[in-house]
Amino acid sequence: MRRDKRLERLRRSATDVKPAELRTVLEAAGFLLDRTKGSHEIYVHPDRNDPVVVPFRKLVKRIYVREVLKAIEEVQE
């Protein structure tokens, strides 16, 4: 239930998203942290070929939030 609420919040407003929120949503969807390179975290999923790269700063930009949502939707289908 909580995971669904977080996803809906991200879909409604892709701005002002904290890195910890994205991390929680990715991990709940089955993504695993593969490695960290500088300020970027790279997540992989067993059902997806492409990794998801997210820069973790104070607030995550909208384009990265959209990429995360797209990746989660691909995995859930």
C-alpha atoms as a PDB file:
ATOM      1  CA  MET A   1       0.000   0.000   0.000  1.00  0.00           C
ATOM      2  CA  ARG A   2       2.708   2.442   0.967  1.00  0.00           C
ATOM      3  CA  ARG A   3       4.679   1.638  -2.173  1.00  0.00           C
ATOM      4  CA  ASP A   4       1.667   2.461  -4.318  1.00  0.00           C
ATOM      5  CA  LYS A   5       1.237   5.805  -2.570  1.00  0.00           C
ATOM      6  CA  ARG A   6       4.864   6.692  -3.169  1.00  0.00           C
ATOM      7  CA  LEU A   7       4.605   5.789  -6.848  1.00  0.00           C
ATOM      8  CA  GLU A   8       1.451   7.847  -7.237  1.00  0.00           C
ATOM      9  CA  ARG A   9       3.111  10.822  -5.587  1.00  0.00           C
ATOM     10  CA  LEU A  10       6.032  10.555  -7.998  1.00  0.00           C
ATOM     11  CA  ARG A  11       3.687  10.295 -10.977  1.00  0.00           C
ATOM     12  CA  ARG A  12       1.694  13.353  -9.915  1.00  0.00           C
ATOM     13  CA  SER A  13       4.615  15.571  -9.065  1.00  0.00           C
ATOM     14  CA  ALA A  14       8.053  14.701 -10.385  1.00  0.00           C
ATOM     15  CA  THR A  15       9.621  17.718  -8.716  1.00  0.00           C
ATOM     16  CA  ASP A  16      11.098  18.116  -5.259  1.00  0.00           C
ATOM     17  CA  VAL A  17      11.917  14.417  -4.971  1.00  0.00           C
ATOM     18  CA  LYS A  18      14.480  13.460  -2.368  1.00  0.00           C
ATOM     19  CA  PRO A  19      17.103  10.838  -3.201  1.00  0.00           C
ATOM     20  CA  ALA A  20      16.000   8.578  -0.356  1.00  0.00           C
ATOM     21  CA  GLU A  21      12.471   8.476  -1.784  1.00  0.00           C
ATOM     22  CA  LEU A  22      13.711   7.314  -5.177  1.00  0.00           C
ATOM     23  CA  ARG A  23      15.986   4.766  -3.563  1.00  0.00           C
ATOM     24  CA  THR A  24      13.065   3.331  -1.580  1.00  0.00           C
ATOM     25  CA  VAL A  25      10.797   3.119  -4.631  1.00  0.00           C
ATOM     26  CA  LEU A  26      13.492   1.467  -6.753  1.00  0.00           C
ATOM     27  CA  GLU A  27      14.321  -1.116  -4.108  1.00  0.00           C
ATOM     28  CA  ALA A  28      10.621  -1.879  -3.524  1.00  0.00           C
ATOM     29  CA  ALA A  29      10.256  -2.554  -7.263  1.00  0.00           C
ATOM     30  CA  GLY A  30      13.081  -5.103  -7.145  1.00  0.00           C
ATOM     31  CA  PHE A  31      15.996  -2.974  -8.316  1.00  0.00           C
ATOM     32  CA  LEU A  32      19.335  -3.568  -6.648  1.00  0.00           C
ATOM     33  CA  LEU A  33      22.137  -1.085  -6.146  1.00  0.00           C
ATOM     34  CA  ASP A  34      24.876  -2.353  -8.449  1.00  0.00           C
ATOM     35  CA  ARG A  35      27.515   0.273  -7.848  1.00  0.00           C
ATOM     36  CA  THR A  36      28.137   3.900  -6.983  1.00  0.00           C
ATOM     37  CA  LYS A  37      30.286   6.154  -9.115  1.00  0.00           C
ATOM     38  CA  GLY A  38      30.792   9.621  -7.694  1.00  0.00           C
ATOM     39  CA  SER A  39      27.369  11.056  -6.879  1.00  0.00           C
ATOM     40  CA  HIS A  40      25.565   8.585  -9.189  1.00  0.00           C
ATOM     41  CA  GLU A  41      23.993   5.341  -8.079  1.00  0.00           C
ATOM     42  CA  ILE A  42      23.479   2.615 -10.670  1.00  0.00           C
ATOM     43  CA  TYR A  43      20.589   0.199 -10.160  1.00  0.00           C
ATOM     44  CA  VAL A  44      19.951  -3.048 -12.031  1.00  0.00           C
ATOM     45  CA  HIS A  45      16.977  -5.376 -12.238  1.00  0.00           C
ATOM     46  CA  PRO A  46      17.107  -9.053 -13.264  1.00  0.00           C
ATOM     47  CA  ASP A  47      14.256  -8.586 -15.790  1.00  0.00           C
ATOM     48  CA  ARG A  48      15.756  -5.500 -17.443  1.00  0.00           C
ATOM     49  CA  ASN A  49      18.898  -5.174 -19.556  1.00  0.00           C
ATOM     50  CA  ASP A  50      19.566  -1.465 -19.089  1.00  0.00           C
ATOM     51  CA  PRO A  51      20.707  -0.085 -15.749  1.00  0.00           C
ATOM     52  CA  VAL A  52      19.026   2.928 -14.165  1.00  0.00           C
ATOM     53  CA  VAL A  53      21.487   5.708 -13.357  1.00  0.00           C
ATOM     54  CA  VAL A  54      20.387   8.311 -10.838  1.00  0.00           C
ATOM     55  CA  PRO A  55      22.458  11.226  -9.537  1.00  0.00           C
ATOM     56  CA  PHE A  56      21.887  11.645  -5.832  1.00  0.00           C
ATOM     57  CA  ARG A  57      22.026  15.274  -4.824  1.00  0.00           C
ATOM     58  CA  LYS A  58      19.797  17.357  -2.559  1.00  0.00           C
ATOM     59  CA  LEU A  59      16.828  17.052  -4.934  1.00  0.00           C
ATOM     60  CA  VAL A  60      16.624  14.831  -8.001  1.00  0.00           C
ATOM     61  CA  LYS A  61      15.776  16.458 -11.318  1.00  0.00           C
ATOM     62  CA  ARG A  62      12.490  15.678 -13.037  1.00  0.00           C
ATOM     63  CA  ILE A  63      14.102  13.863 -15.996  1.00  0.00           C
ATOM     64  CA  TYR A  64      15.650  11.249 -13.690  1.00  0.00           C
ATOM     65  CA  VAL A  65      12.385  10.721 -11.839  1.00  0.00           C
ATOM     66  CA  ARG A  66      10.667  10.067 -15.166  1.00  0.00           C
ATOM     67  CA  GLU A  67      13.375   7.560 -16.119  1.00  0.00           C
ATOM     68  CA  VAL A  68      12.879   5.738 -12.834  1.00  0.00           C
ATOM     69  CA  LEU A  69       9.097   5.610 -13.313  1.00  0.00           C
ATOM     70  CA  LYS A  70       9.529   4.318 -16.864  1.00  0.00           C
ATOM     71  CA  ALA A  71      11.919   1.589 -15.693  1.00  0.00           C
ATOM     72  CA  ILE A  72       9.536   0.517 -12.911  1.00  0.00           C
ATOM     73  CA  GLU A  73       6.616   0.335 -15.367  1.00  0.00           C
ATOM     74  CA  GLU A  74       8.688  -1.831 -17.746  1.00  0.00           C
ATOM     75  CA  VAL A  75       9.484  -4.269 -14.956  1.00  0.00           C
ATOM     76  CA  GLN A  76       5.916  -4.460 -13.657  1.00  0.00           C
ATOM     77  CA  GLU A  77       4.434  -5.336 -17.055  1.00  0.00           C
END
